[in-house]
């Protein structure tokens, strides 16, 4: 339910003056809605052209109208849910559930759950639809090693599995011609997969990127964008070489790409903003805006038809007092969280 909205304008940075298509009057506008609901979040997915946005909420998935912030539906029983992928050819959507190692298949029109498919590898996390192979692709934090699993979008049956070199694979992207590219967060590499054979073709180092997560592929220029903390990279998909770097905020867990507008959106959860980058040429990129969001908002999804980017982040209250004698969290580990006191949905347009 839409409870309030706020419009913020982020003026283009001075660097954008080098971008011929930009004018000093151009702004990026942020609509901010309180949408309610329980649970944390990981990924969200915008359905191209419809305005619907699927938002993971820990144990369920909310379906939100991106124009108004109004809730359109809810998909239940998705324990420790991570991501959502949409397969328009079959009319099905898919949700990764880390809590019970299943994938939920649902009807895209009615949102009714059709089945839950067990995935024995475990570690379910990332998910995407590959239009070339007409497969749903899972990238799993399996143990002892990460895996990529392919599903038939008509039946949710597993049709292929390949082991990766890292137990922390993150986003995957398709070139639309038979190759998939997957970021390995812990090794800071990218692997190339033959989607039909489900075989690894290559592994590329991504330095100076550290901890790559979000990914997108530009089919017009044969370039791959990898979202990384503080320094993201652009990779030549033929040679595997890093051809450009992008300065952005810290705490990146996804990356958005609008192929029509030639805009890359890099969300930074620790720095509470989104870096917007224009692709001027295959090896030249200009930061055109830094759009404020909120702390923790680290994933994003772009509707390439409406040219709107979406983020979601719960707001947490004070954490509960630790139990008597409890050990403090390890360095780098997340401490206790307080209750969800608000749930903020952002829509960025320009």
C-alpha atoms as a PDB file:
ATOM      1  CA  UNK A   1       0.000   0.000   0.000  1.00  0.00           C
ATOM      2  CA  UNK A   2       1.275   3.452  -0.907  1.00  0.00           C
ATOM      3  CA  UNK A   3       1.543   5.545   2.239  1.00  0.00           C
ATOM      4  CA  UNK A   4       3.674   8.456   1.097  1.00  0.00           C
ATOM      5  CA  UNK A   5       5.949   9.556  -1.708  1.00  0.00           C
ATOM      6  CA  UNK A   6       8.925  11.867  -1.900  1.00  0.00           C
ATOM      7  CA  UNK A   7      10.526  13.335  -5.016  1.00  0.00           C
ATOM      8  CA  UNK A   8      14.264  14.063  -4.986  1.00  0.00           C
ATOM      9  CA  UNK A   9      16.200  15.516  -7.923  1.00  0.00           C
ATOM     10  CA  UNK A  10      19.842  14.596  -8.460  1.00  0.00           C
ATOM     11  CA  UNK A  11      21.527  17.059 -10.834  1.00  0.00           C
ATOM     12  CA  UNK A  12      24.015  15.749 -13.301  1.00  0.00           C
ATOM     13  CA  UNK A  13      27.607  16.036 -12.190  1.00  0.00           C
ATOM     14  CA  UNK A  14      29.957  18.418 -13.922  1.00  0.00           C
ATOM     15  CA  UNK A  15      31.546  15.464 -15.639  1.00  0.00           C
ATOM     16  CA  UNK A  16      28.323  14.955 -17.564  1.00  0.00           C
ATOM     17  CA  UNK A  17      28.970  18.078 -19.589  1.00  0.00           C
ATOM     18  CA  UNK A  18      31.174  15.891 -21.755  1.00  0.00           C
ATOM     19  CA  UNK A  19      28.117  13.776 -22.641  1.00  0.00           C
ATOM     20  CA  UNK A  20      26.558  15.361 -25.746  1.00  0.00           C
ATOM     21  CA  UNK A  21      23.051  14.048 -25.041  1.00  0.00           C
ATOM     22  CA  UNK A  22      22.914  15.644 -21.593  1.00  0.00           C
ATOM     23  CA  UNK A  23      21.744  19.145 -20.751  1.00  0.00           C
ATOM     24  CA  UNK A  24      22.160  21.132 -17.550  1.00  0.00           C
ATOM     25  CA  UNK A  25      18.400  20.850 -16.971  1.00  0.00           C
ATOM     26  CA  UNK A  26      18.347  17.048 -16.838  1.00  0.00           C
ATOM     27  CA  UNK A  27      17.505  15.481 -13.479  1.00  0.00           C
ATOM     28  CA  UNK A  28      17.082  12.028 -12.012  1.00  0.00           C
ATOM     29  CA  UNK A  29      13.912  11.879  -9.938  1.00  0.00           C
ATOM     30  CA  UNK A  30      13.403   9.499  -7.021  1.00  0.00           C
ATOM     31  CA  UNK A  31       9.911   8.468  -5.966  1.00  0.00           C
ATOM     32  CA  UNK A  32       9.986   6.973  -2.466  1.00  0.00           C
ATOM     33  CA  UNK A  33       7.079   4.875  -1.191  1.00  0.00           C
ATOM     34  CA  UNK A  34       6.391   3.152   2.101  1.00  0.00           C
ATOM     35  CA  UNK A  35       4.966  -0.230   1.059  1.00  0.00           C
ATOM     36  CA  UNK A  36       4.700  -2.026   4.412  1.00  0.00           C
ATOM     37  CA  UNK A  37       5.036  -5.770   4.797  1.00  0.00           C
ATOM     38  CA  UNK A  38       7.254  -7.992   6.908  1.00  0.00           C
ATOM     39  CA  UNK A  39      10.729  -9.363   6.353  1.00  0.00           C
ATOM     40  CA  UNK A  40      14.138  -8.370   5.070  1.00  0.00           C
ATOM     41  CA  UNK A  41      15.170  -8.420   1.438  1.00  0.00           C
ATOM     42  CA  UNK A  42      17.746  -9.450  -1.135  1.00  0.00           C
ATOM     43  CA  UNK A  43      16.978  -9.026  -4.863  1.00  0.00           C
ATOM     44  CA  UNK A  44      14.076  -7.471  -6.716  1.00  0.00           C
ATOM     45  CA  UNK A  45      13.023  -7.888 -10.360  1.00  0.00           C
ATOM     46  CA  UNK A  46      11.143  -5.479 -12.636  1.00  0.00           C
ATOM     47  CA  UNK A  47       8.887  -6.982 -15.292  1.00  0.00           C
ATOM     48  CA  UNK A  48       9.634  -5.117 -18.554  1.00  0.00           C
ATOM     49  CA  UNK A  49       6.871  -2.776 -19.655  1.00  0.00           C
ATOM     50  CA  UNK A  50       4.178  -3.724 -17.123  1.00  0.00           C
ATOM     51  CA  UNK A  51       5.260  -1.672 -14.123  1.00  0.00           C
ATOM     52  CA  UNK A  52       5.171  -4.722 -11.874  1.00  0.00           C
ATOM     53  CA  UNK A  53       8.136  -5.204  -9.543  1.00  0.00           C
ATOM     54  CA  UNK A  54       8.752  -8.437  -7.628  1.00  0.00           C
ATOM     55  CA  UNK A  55      10.384  -7.746  -4.239  1.00  0.00           C
ATOM     56  CA  UNK A  56      11.933 -10.476  -2.061  1.00  0.00           C
ATOM     57  CA  UNK A  57      10.867 -10.220   1.609  1.00  0.00           C
ATOM     58  CA  UNK A  58      12.568 -13.092   3.424  1.00  0.00           C
ATOM     59  CA  UNK A  59       9.596 -15.506   3.566  1.00  0.00           C
ATOM     60  CA  UNK A  60       7.415 -14.137   0.787  1.00  0.00           C
ATOM     61  CA  UNK A  61       7.593 -12.052  -2.394  1.00  0.00           C
ATOM     62  CA  UNK A  62       5.628  -8.833  -2.724  1.00  0.00           C
ATOM     63  CA  UNK A  63       4.428  -7.708  -6.165  1.00  0.00           C
ATOM     64  CA  UNK A  64       4.404  -3.910  -6.284  1.00  0.00           C
ATOM     65  CA  UNK A  65       3.101  -1.384  -8.799  1.00  0.00           C
ATOM     66  CA  UNK A  66       6.254   0.584  -9.606  1.00  0.00           C
ATOM     67  CA  UNK A  67       4.250   3.696 -10.512  1.00  0.00           C
ATOM     68  CA  UNK A  68       2.236   4.022  -7.301  1.00  0.00           C
ATOM     69  CA  UNK A  69       3.949   1.772  -4.742  1.00  0.00           C
ATOM     70  CA  UNK A  70       0.659  -0.109  -4.326  1.00  0.00           C
ATOM     71  CA  UNK A  71       0.850  -3.816  -3.554  1.00  0.00           C
ATOM     72  CA  UNK A  72      -0.626  -5.926  -6.373  1.00  0.00           C
ATOM     73  CA  UNK A  73      -0.135  -9.353  -4.839  1.00  0.00           C
ATOM     74  CA  UNK A  74       1.951 -11.563  -2.592  1.00  0.00           C
ATOM     75  CA  UNK A  75       3.574 -14.960  -3.170  1.00  0.00           C
ATOM     76  CA  UNK A  76       3.882 -16.913   0.106  1.00  0.00           C
ATOM     77  CA  UNK A  77       6.067 -19.733   1.442  1.00  0.00           C
ATOM     78  CA  UNK A  78       9.462 -18.648   0.117  1.00  0.00           C
ATOM     79  CA  UNK A  79      11.760 -19.274   3.111  1.00  0.00           C
ATOM     80  CA  UNK A  80      14.937 -17.169   3.037  1.00  0.00           C
ATOM     81  CA  UNK A  81      14.109 -16.040  -0.463  1.00  0.00           C
ATOM     82  CA  UNK A  82      16.790 -14.380  -2.576  1.00  0.00           C
ATOM     83  CA  UNK A  83      15.876 -13.706  -6.208  1.00  0.00           C
ATOM     84  CA  UNK A  84      13.110 -13.740  -8.802  1.00  0.00           C
ATOM     85  CA  UNK A  85      13.325 -14.496 -12.529  1.00  0.00           C
ATOM     86  CA  UNK A  86      10.585 -14.196 -15.148  1.00  0.00           C
ATOM     87  CA  UNK A  87      10.250 -16.457 -18.190  1.00  0.00           C
ATOM     88  CA  UNK A  88       7.807 -14.798 -20.616  1.00  0.00           C
ATOM     89  CA  UNK A  89       7.883 -17.685 -23.105  1.00  0.00           C
ATOM     90  CA  UNK A  90       6.339 -20.068 -20.577  1.00  0.00           C
ATOM     91  CA  UNK A  91       4.317 -17.539 -18.583  1.00  0.00           C
ATOM     92  CA  UNK A  92       6.076 -18.599 -15.396  1.00  0.00           C
ATOM     93  CA  UNK A  93       8.075 -16.875 -12.704  1.00  0.00           C
ATOM     94  CA  UNK A  94      10.675 -18.470 -10.433  1.00  0.00           C
ATOM     95  CA  UNK A  95      11.928 -17.713  -6.904  1.00  0.00           C
ATOM     96  CA  UNK A  96      15.051 -19.055  -5.168  1.00  0.00           C
ATOM     97  CA  UNK A  97      14.429 -20.178  -1.582  1.00  0.00           C
ATOM     98  CA  UNK A  98      17.608 -20.691   0.453  1.00  0.00           C
ATOM     99  CA  UNK A  99      15.733 -21.841   3.543  1.00  0.00           C
ATOM    100  CA  UNK A 100      14.491 -25.129   2.105  1.00  0.00           C
ATOM    101  CA  UNK A 101      16.656 -25.367  -1.057  1.00  0.00           C
ATOM    102  CA  UNK A 102      13.720 -25.113  -3.436  1.00  0.00           C
ATOM    103  CA  UNK A 103      12.683 -23.028  -6.416  1.00  0.00           C
ATOM    104  CA  UNK A 104       9.086 -21.795  -6.463  1.00  0.00           C
ATOM    105  CA  UNK A 105       7.422 -21.761  -9.892  1.00  0.00           C
ATOM    106  CA  UNK A 106       4.384 -19.464 -10.154  1.00  0.00           C
ATOM    107  CA  UNK A 107       1.937 -18.281 -12.807  1.00  0.00           C
ATOM    108  CA  UNK A 108       2.886 -14.823 -14.107  1.00  0.00           C
ATOM    109  CA  UNK A 109      -0.748 -13.790 -14.698  1.00  0.00           C
ATOM    110  CA  UNK A 110      -2.408 -15.008 -11.500  1.00  0.00           C
ATOM    111  CA  UNK A 111       0.701 -15.201  -9.227  1.00  0.00           C
ATOM    112  CA  UNK A 112      -0.567 -18.617  -8.079  1.00  0.00           C
ATOM    113  CA  UNK A 113       2.134 -21.057  -6.977  1.00  0.00           C
ATOM    114  CA  UNK A 114       2.359 -24.027  -9.345  1.00  0.00           C
ATOM    115  CA  UNK A 115       5.050 -26.101  -7.638  1.00  0.00           C
ATOM    116  CA  UNK A 116       8.204 -26.043  -5.538  1.00  0.00           C
ATOM    117  CA  UNK A 117      11.173 -27.856  -7.071  1.00  0.00           C
ATOM    118  CA  UNK A 118      13.932 -29.167  -4.737  1.00  0.00           C
ATOM    119  CA  UNK A 119      17.492 -28.295  -5.809  1.00  0.00           C
ATOM    120  CA  UNK A 120      19.941 -30.701  -4.171  1.00  0.00           C
ATOM    121  CA  UNK A 121      23.018 -28.511  -4.562  1.00  0.00           C
ATOM    122  CA  UNK A 122      21.716 -26.122  -1.898  1.00  0.00           C
ATOM    123  CA  UNK A 123      22.997 -22.579  -1.397  1.00  0.00           C
ATOM    124  CA  UNK A 124      20.344 -21.052  -3.639  1.00  0.00           C
ATOM    125  CA  UNK A 125      20.925 -17.357  -4.313  1.00  0.00           C
ATOM    126  CA  UNK A 126      21.062 -15.686  -7.751  1.00  0.00           C
ATOM    127  CA  UNK A 127      18.635 -16.393 -10.580  1.00  0.00           C
ATOM    128  CA  UNK A 128      18.101 -15.145 -14.158  1.00  0.00           C
ATOM    129  CA  UNK A 129      16.351 -16.074 -17.403  1.00  0.00           C
ATOM    130  CA  UNK A 130      18.458 -16.810 -20.492  1.00  0.00           C
ATOM    131  CA  UNK A 131      16.473 -16.053 -23.634  1.00  0.00           C
ATOM    132  CA  UNK A 132      18.907 -17.879 -25.942  1.00  0.00           C
ATOM    133  CA  UNK A 133      18.544 -21.291 -24.314  1.00  0.00           C
ATOM    134  CA  UNK A 134      15.081 -20.618 -22.829  1.00  0.00           C
ATOM    135  CA  UNK A 135      16.355 -21.706 -19.430  1.00  0.00           C
ATOM    136  CA  UNK A 136      16.187 -20.427 -15.889  1.00  0.00           C
ATOM    137  CA  UNK A 137      19.742 -20.123 -14.534  1.00  0.00           C
ATOM    138  CA  UNK A 138      20.581 -20.447 -10.824  1.00  0.00           C
ATOM    139  CA  UNK A 139      23.904 -19.376  -9.295  1.00  0.00           C
ATOM    140  CA  UNK A 140      24.291 -21.206  -5.998  1.00  0.00           C
ATOM    141  CA  UNK A 141      26.519 -20.757  -2.951  1.00  0.00           C
ATOM    142  CA  UNK A 142      26.840 -24.530  -2.781  1.00  0.00           C
ATOM    143  CA  UNK A 143      29.356 -26.354  -0.606  1.00  0.00           C
ATOM    144  CA  UNK A 144      32.091 -27.346  -1.025  1.00  0.00           C
ATOM    145  CA  UNK A 145      31.997 -25.459  -4.334  1.00  0.00           C
ATOM    146  CA  UNK A 146      29.515 -23.177  -6.071  1.00  0.00           C
ATOM    147  CA  UNK A 147      27.285 -24.383  -8.879  1.00  0.00           C
ATOM    148  CA  UNK A 148      25.248 -23.116 -11.795  1.00  0.00           C
ATOM    149  CA  UNK A 149      21.998 -25.022 -12.371  1.00  0.00           C
ATOM    150  CA  UNK A 150      19.699 -24.767 -15.406  1.00  0.00           C
ATOM    151  CA  UNK A 151      15.932 -25.350 -15.223  1.00  0.00           C
ATOM    152  CA  UNK A 152      13.314 -25.889 -17.900  1.00  0.00           C
ATOM    153  CA  UNK A 153      10.942 -22.895 -17.522  1.00  0.00           C
ATOM    154  CA  UNK A 154       7.945 -24.955 -18.592  1.00  0.00           C
ATOM    155  CA  UNK A 155       8.307 -27.638 -15.921  1.00  0.00           C
ATOM    156  CA  UNK A 156      11.002 -26.394 -13.473  1.00  0.00           C
ATOM    157  CA  UNK A 157      12.880 -29.661 -14.106  1.00  0.00           C
ATOM    158  CA  UNK A 158      16.663 -29.513 -13.706  1.00  0.00           C
ATOM    159  CA  UNK A 159      18.289 -29.887 -17.127  1.00  0.00           C
ATOM    160  CA  UNK A 160      21.936 -29.141 -16.368  1.00  0.00           C
ATOM    161  CA  UNK A 161      24.491 -28.449 -13.629  1.00  0.00           C
ATOM    162  CA  UNK A 162      28.072 -27.207 -13.747  1.00  0.00           C
ATOM    163  CA  UNK A 163      30.562 -26.689 -10.927  1.00  0.00           C
ATOM    164  CA  UNK A 164      32.205 -23.291 -10.634  1.00  0.00           C
ATOM    165  CA  UNK A 165      35.562 -22.270  -9.142  1.00  0.00           C
ATOM    166  CA  UNK A 166      34.142 -20.314  -6.191  1.00  0.00           C
ATOM    167  CA  UNK A 167      31.575 -21.034  -3.487  1.00  0.00           C
ATOM    168  CA  UNK A 168      30.293 -17.457  -3.781  1.00  0.00           C
ATOM    169  CA  UNK A 169      28.986 -17.058  -7.352  1.00  0.00           C
ATOM    170  CA  UNK A 170      26.770 -14.003  -7.731  1.00  0.00           C
ATOM    171  CA  UNK A 171      25.077 -12.472 -10.776  1.00  0.00           C
ATOM    172  CA  UNK A 172      25.033 -14.022 -14.246  1.00  0.00           C
ATOM    173  CA  UNK A 173      24.412 -12.455 -17.650  1.00  0.00           C
ATOM    174  CA  UNK A 174      23.844 -13.822 -21.164  1.00  0.00           C
ATOM    175  CA  UNK A 175      25.285 -12.694 -24.493  1.00  0.00           C
ATOM    176  CA  UNK A 176      22.171 -14.042 -26.244  1.00  0.00           C
ATOM    177  CA  UNK A 177      24.346 -16.343 -28.364  1.00  0.00           C
ATOM    178  CA  UNK A 178      25.055 -19.279 -26.061  1.00  0.00           C
ATOM    179  CA  UNK A 179      27.465 -17.924 -23.457  1.00  0.00           C
ATOM    180  CA  UNK A 180      26.810 -17.017 -19.854  1.00  0.00           C
ATOM    181  CA  UNK A 181      29.098 -14.898 -17.682  1.00  0.00           C
ATOM    182  CA  UNK A 182      29.074 -15.282 -13.894  1.00  0.00           C
ATOM    183  CA  UNK A 183      30.802 -13.187 -11.226  1.00  0.00           C
ATOM    184  CA  UNK A 184      32.685 -15.015  -8.473  1.00  0.00           C
ATOM    185  CA  UNK A 185      32.626 -12.757  -5.430  1.00  0.00           C
ATOM    186  CA  UNK A 186      35.313 -14.412  -3.313  1.00  0.00           C
ATOM    187  CA  UNK A 187      37.905 -15.000  -6.039  1.00  0.00           C
ATOM    188  CA  UNK A 188      37.091 -11.749  -7.908  1.00  0.00           C
ATOM    189  CA  UNK A 189      36.920 -13.617 -11.204  1.00  0.00           C
ATOM    190  CA  UNK A 190      34.408 -14.059 -13.998  1.00  0.00           C
ATOM    191  CA  UNK A 191      33.737 -17.456 -15.557  1.00  0.00           C
ATOM    192  CA  UNK A 192      32.378 -18.075 -19.047  1.00  0.00           C
ATOM    193  CA  UNK A 193      29.867 -20.917 -19.436  1.00  0.00           C
ATOM    194  CA  UNK A 194      28.579 -22.695 -22.547  1.00  0.00           C
ATOM    195  CA  UNK A 195      24.879 -22.735 -21.656  1.00  0.00           C
ATOM    196  CA  UNK A 196      23.927 -25.638 -23.931  1.00  0.00           C
ATOM    197  CA  UNK A 197      26.752 -27.948 -22.850  1.00  0.00           C
ATOM    198  CA  UNK A 198      26.855 -26.521 -19.292  1.00  0.00           C
ATOM    199  CA  UNK A 199      30.653 -26.448 -19.405  1.00  0.00           C
ATOM    200  CA  UNK A 200      33.167 -23.862 -18.212  1.00  0.00           C
ATOM    201  CA  UNK A 201      34.983 -22.236 -21.129  1.00  0.00           C
ATOM    202  CA  UNK A 202      37.222 -19.697 -19.377  1.00  0.00           C
ATOM    203  CA  UNK A 203      38.001 -17.850 -16.155  1.00  0.00           C
ATOM    204  CA  UNK A 204      39.049 -14.191 -16.183  1.00  0.00           C
ATOM    205  CA  UNK A 205      40.555 -12.105 -13.353  1.00  0.00           C
ATOM    206  CA  UNK A 206      38.696  -8.830 -12.732  1.00  0.00           C
ATOM    207  CA  UNK A 207      41.352  -6.721 -10.948  1.00  0.00           C
ATOM    208  CA  UNK A 208      41.095  -3.950  -9.809  1.00  0.00           C
ATOM    209  CA  UNK A 209      37.535  -5.053  -9.004  1.00  0.00           C
ATOM    210  CA  UNK A 210      37.125  -6.684  -5.601  1.00  0.00           C
ATOM    211  CA  UNK A 211      34.098  -8.805  -4.740  1.00  0.00           C
ATOM    212  CA  UNK A 212      32.112  -8.637  -8.010  1.00  0.00           C
ATOM    213  CA  UNK A 213      28.367  -9.136  -7.580  1.00  0.00           C
ATOM    214  CA  UNK A 214      25.967  -7.468 -10.036  1.00  0.00           C
ATOM    215  CA  UNK A 215      26.448  -7.981 -13.751  1.00  0.00           C
ATOM    216  CA  UNK A 216      24.968  -6.929 -17.103  1.00  0.00           C
ATOM    217  CA  UNK A 217      25.859  -7.490 -20.757  1.00  0.00           C
ATOM    218  CA  UNK A 218      25.603  -4.945 -23.559  1.00  0.00           C
ATOM    219  CA  UNK A 219      24.827  -6.945 -26.699  1.00  0.00           C
ATOM    220  CA  UNK A 220      25.419  -3.916 -28.930  1.00  0.00           C
ATOM    221  CA  UNK A 221      29.051  -3.372 -27.847  1.00  0.00           C
ATOM    222  CA  UNK A 222      30.000  -6.843 -26.565  1.00  0.00           C
ATOM    223  CA  UNK A 223      30.829  -5.437 -23.139  1.00  0.00           C
ATOM    224  CA  UNK A 224      30.177  -6.871 -19.673  1.00  0.00           C
ATOM    225  CA  UNK A 225      29.626  -4.620 -16.665  1.00  0.00           C
ATOM    226  CA  UNK A 226      30.614  -6.018 -13.244  1.00  0.00           C
ATOM    227  CA  UNK A 227      29.437  -4.185 -10.141  1.00  0.00           C
ATOM    228  CA  UNK A 228      32.091  -4.094  -7.422  1.00  0.00           C
ATOM    229  CA  UNK A 229      32.691  -2.187  -4.208  1.00  0.00           C
ATOM    230  CA  UNK A 230      34.165   1.269  -4.956  1.00  0.00           C
ATOM    231  CA  UNK A 231      35.588   0.302  -8.384  1.00  0.00           C
ATOM    232  CA  UNK A 232      33.429  -1.486 -10.956  1.00  0.00           C
ATOM    233  CA  UNK A 233      34.855  -2.786 -14.231  1.00  0.00           C
ATOM    234  CA  UNK A 234      33.952  -3.155 -17.897  1.00  0.00           C
ATOM    235  CA  UNK A 235      35.135  -6.345 -19.614  1.00  0.00           C
ATOM    236  CA  UNK A 236      35.589  -7.102 -23.311  1.00  0.00           C
ATOM    237  CA  UNK A 237      33.503 -10.260 -23.759  1.00  0.00           C
ATOM    238  CA  UNK A 238      35.776 -11.532 -26.542  1.00  0.00           C
ATOM    239  CA  UNK A 239      39.167 -11.164 -24.865  1.00  0.00           C
ATOM    240  CA  UNK A 240      38.227 -11.189 -21.174  1.00  0.00           C
ATOM    241  CA  UNK A 241      40.286  -8.047 -20.613  1.00  0.00           C
ATOM    242  CA  UNK A 242      39.211  -5.186 -18.348  1.00  0.00           C
ATOM    243  CA  UNK A 243      38.880  -2.172 -20.695  1.00  0.00           C
ATOM    244  CA  UNK A 244      37.495   0.469 -18.316  1.00  0.00           C
ATOM    245  CA  UNK A 245      36.899   1.140 -14.628  1.00  0.00           C
ATOM    246  CA  UNK A 246      34.111   3.069 -12.915  1.00  0.00           C
ATOM    247  CA  UNK A 247      34.337   4.806  -9.524  1.00  0.00           C
ATOM    248  CA  UNK A 248      31.218   4.162  -7.437  1.00  0.00           C
ATOM    249  CA  UNK A 249      30.079   3.747  -3.840  1.00  0.00           C
ATOM    250  CA  UNK A 250      30.702   0.860  -1.457  1.00  0.00           C
ATOM    251  CA  UNK A 251      28.360  -1.986  -0.585  1.00  0.00           C
ATOM    252  CA  UNK A 252      27.339  -3.070  -4.106  1.00  0.00           C
ATOM    253  CA  UNK A 253      25.238  -6.237  -4.510  1.00  0.00           C
ATOM    254  CA  UNK A 254      23.656  -5.787  -7.949  1.00  0.00           C
ATOM    255  CA  UNK A 255      23.850  -3.713 -11.118  1.00  0.00           C
ATOM    256  CA  UNK A 256      21.189  -2.304 -13.422  1.00  0.00           C
ATOM    257  CA  UNK A 257      21.473  -1.678 -17.174  1.00  0.00           C
ATOM    258  CA  UNK A 258      19.214   0.234 -19.539  1.00  0.00           C
ATOM    259  CA  UNK A 259      20.379  -0.713 -23.070  1.00  0.00           C
ATOM    260  CA  UNK A 260      18.249   1.955 -24.771  1.00  0.00           C
ATOM    261  CA  UNK A 261      19.390   4.856 -22.607  1.00  0.00           C
ATOM    262  CA  UNK A 262      22.924   3.393 -22.366  1.00  0.00           C
ATOM    263  CA  UNK A 263      22.843   3.902 -18.593  1.00  0.00           C
ATOM    264  CA  UNK A 264      24.411   1.709 -15.901  1.00  0.00           C
ATOM    265  CA  UNK A 265      23.011   1.932 -12.356  1.00  0.00           C
ATOM    266  CA  UNK A 266      25.323   0.845  -9.505  1.00  0.00           C
ATOM    267  CA  UNK A 267      23.688   0.813  -6.035  1.00  0.00           C
ATOM    268  CA  UNK A 268      25.865   1.300  -2.934  1.00  0.00           C
ATOM    269  CA  UNK A 269      24.255   0.113   0.292  1.00  0.00           C
ATOM    270  CA  UNK A 270      26.984   1.421   2.578  1.00  0.00           C
ATOM    271  CA  UNK A 271      27.147   4.842   0.916  1.00  0.00           C
ATOM    272  CA  UNK A 272      23.357   5.209   0.479  1.00  0.00           C
ATOM    273  CA  UNK A 273      23.388   6.115  -3.205  1.00  0.00           C
ATOM    274  CA  UNK A 274      23.261   4.935  -6.810  1.00  0.00           C
ATOM    275  CA  UNK A 275      26.014   5.858  -9.259  1.00  0.00           C
ATOM    276  CA  UNK A 276      24.567   6.431 -12.740  1.00  0.00           C
ATOM    277  CA  UNK A 277      27.012   5.937 -15.623  1.00  0.00           C
ATOM    278  CA  UNK A 278      26.609   6.610 -19.340  1.00  0.00           C
ATOM    279  CA  UNK A 279      28.270   4.362 -21.913  1.00  0.00           C
ATOM    280  CA  UNK A 280      29.760   6.916 -24.301  1.00  0.00           C
ATOM    281  CA  UNK A 281      31.635   4.294 -26.345  1.00  0.00           C
ATOM    282  CA  UNK A 282      32.595   0.637 -25.799  1.00  0.00           C
ATOM    283  CA  UNK A 283      35.642   1.657 -23.730  1.00  0.00           C
ATOM    284  CA  UNK A 284      34.530   5.073 -22.444  1.00  0.00           C
ATOM    285  CA  UNK A 285      32.166   5.678 -19.518  1.00  0.00           C
ATOM    286  CA  UNK A 286      31.049   8.870 -17.779  1.00  0.00           C
ATOM    287  CA  UNK A 287      29.509   9.164 -14.318  1.00  0.00           C
ATOM    288  CA  UNK A 288      26.499  11.425 -14.894  1.00  0.00           C
ATOM    289  CA  UNK A 289      24.839  11.431 -11.472  1.00  0.00           C
ATOM    290  CA  UNK A 290      24.989  10.172  -7.910  1.00  0.00           C
ATOM    291  CA  UNK A 291      21.417   9.628  -6.726  1.00  0.00           C
ATOM    292  CA  UNK A 292      20.718   9.466  -2.954  1.00  0.00           C
ATOM    293  CA  UNK A 293      18.762   6.470  -1.624  1.00  0.00           C
ATOM    294  CA  UNK A 294      19.244   5.037   1.898  1.00  0.00           C
ATOM    295  CA  UNK A 295      21.715   2.912   3.807  1.00  0.00           C
ATOM    296  CA  UNK A 296      21.385  -0.778   2.972  1.00  0.00           C
ATOM    297  CA  UNK A 297      19.799  -0.309  -0.472  1.00  0.00           C
ATOM    298  CA  UNK A 298      22.296  -2.410  -2.413  1.00  0.00           C
ATOM    299  CA  UNK A 299      20.276  -4.231  -5.091  1.00  0.00           C
ATOM    300  CA  UNK A 300      18.475  -2.771  -8.096  1.00  0.00           C
ATOM    301  CA  UNK A 301      16.405  -3.733 -11.132  1.00  0.00           C
ATOM    302  CA  UNK A 302      15.776  -1.746 -14.317  1.00  0.00           C
ATOM    303  CA  UNK A 303      12.669  -1.779 -16.486  1.00  0.00           C
ATOM    304  CA  UNK A 304      14.250  -1.310 -19.965  1.00  0.00           C
ATOM    305  CA  UNK A 305      10.882  -0.395 -21.502  1.00  0.00           C
ATOM    306  CA  UNK A 306       9.750   2.258 -19.016  1.00  0.00           C
ATOM    307  CA  UNK A 307      13.363   3.295 -18.269  1.00  0.00           C
ATOM    308  CA  UNK A 308      12.826   3.245 -14.514  1.00  0.00           C
ATOM    309  CA  UNK A 309      15.156   1.724 -11.907  1.00  0.00           C
ATOM    310  CA  UNK A 310      13.846   0.242  -8.665  1.00  0.00           C
ATOM    311  CA  UNK A 311      15.355  -0.401  -5.242  1.00  0.00           C
ATOM    312  CA  UNK A 312      13.897  -1.628  -1.968  1.00  0.00           C
ATOM    313  CA  UNK A 313      15.180  -1.531   1.601  1.00  0.00           C
ATOM    314  CA  UNK A 314      13.568  -2.128   5.001  1.00  0.00           C
ATOM    315  CA  UNK A 315      14.295   0.293   7.811  1.00  0.00           C
ATOM    316  CA  UNK A 316      15.191  -1.363  11.119  1.00  0.00           C
ATOM    317  CA  UNK A 317      14.602  -0.171  14.655  1.00  0.00           C
ATOM    318  CA  UNK A 318      17.088  -0.533  17.539  1.00  0.00           C
ATOM    319  CA  UNK A 319      18.427  -4.085  17.981  1.00  0.00           C
ATOM    320  CA  UNK A 320      17.443  -6.086  21.073  1.00  0.00           C
ATOM    321  CA  UNK A 321      19.864  -6.251  23.978  1.00  0.00           C
ATOM    322  CA  UNK A 322      22.209  -9.255  23.694  1.00  0.00           C
ATOM    323  CA  UNK A 323      21.566 -12.179  25.994  1.00  0.00           C
ATOM    324  CA  UNK A 324      23.596 -12.339  29.180  1.00  0.00           C
ATOM    325  CA  UNK A 325      27.008 -13.849  28.474  1.00  0.00           C
ATOM    326  CA  UNK A 326      26.575 -13.730  24.684  1.00  0.00           C
ATOM    327  CA  UNK A 327      29.757 -13.315  22.675  1.00  0.00           C
ATOM    328  CA  UNK A 328      30.046 -10.189  20.496  1.00  0.00           C
ATOM    329  CA  UNK A 329      29.847 -10.759  16.724  1.00  0.00           C
ATOM    330  CA  UNK A 330      33.060 -11.556  14.899  1.00  0.00           C
ATOM    331  CA  UNK A 331      34.749  -8.679  13.032  1.00  0.00           C
ATOM    332  CA  UNK A 332      32.899  -8.094   9.775  1.00  0.00           C
ATOM    333  CA  UNK A 333      29.899 -10.154  10.879  1.00  0.00           C
ATOM    334  CA  UNK A 334      26.456  -8.581  11.131  1.00  0.00           C
ATOM    335  CA  UNK A 335      25.169  -8.105  14.664  1.00  0.00           C
ATOM    336  CA  UNK A 336      21.612  -8.437  15.900  1.00  0.00           C
ATOM    337  CA  UNK A 337      19.003  -6.551  13.908  1.00  0.00           C
ATOM    338  CA  UNK A 338      16.062  -4.689  15.296  1.00  0.00           C
ATOM    339  CA  UNK A 339      12.502  -5.068  14.018  1.00  0.00           C
ATOM    340  CA  UNK A 340      11.400  -3.728  10.646  1.00  0.00           C
ATOM    341  CA  UNK A 341       9.793  -0.340  11.309  1.00  0.00           C
ATOM    342  CA  UNK A 342       9.345   0.791   7.692  1.00  0.00           C
ATOM    343  CA  UNK A 343       9.742  -0.611   4.170  1.00  0.00           C
ATOM    344  CA  UNK A 344      10.952   1.813   1.494  1.00  0.00           C
ATOM    345  CA  UNK A 345      10.531   1.297  -2.241  1.00  0.00           C
ATOM    346  CA  UNK A 346      12.398   3.619  -4.628  1.00  0.00           C
ATOM    347  CA  UNK A 347      11.743   4.381  -8.302  1.00  0.00           C
ATOM    348  CA  UNK A 348      14.416   6.360 -10.173  1.00  0.00           C
ATOM    349  CA  UNK A 349      13.529   7.985 -13.489  1.00  0.00           C
ATOM    350  CA  UNK A 350      14.804  10.880 -15.593  1.00  0.00           C
END
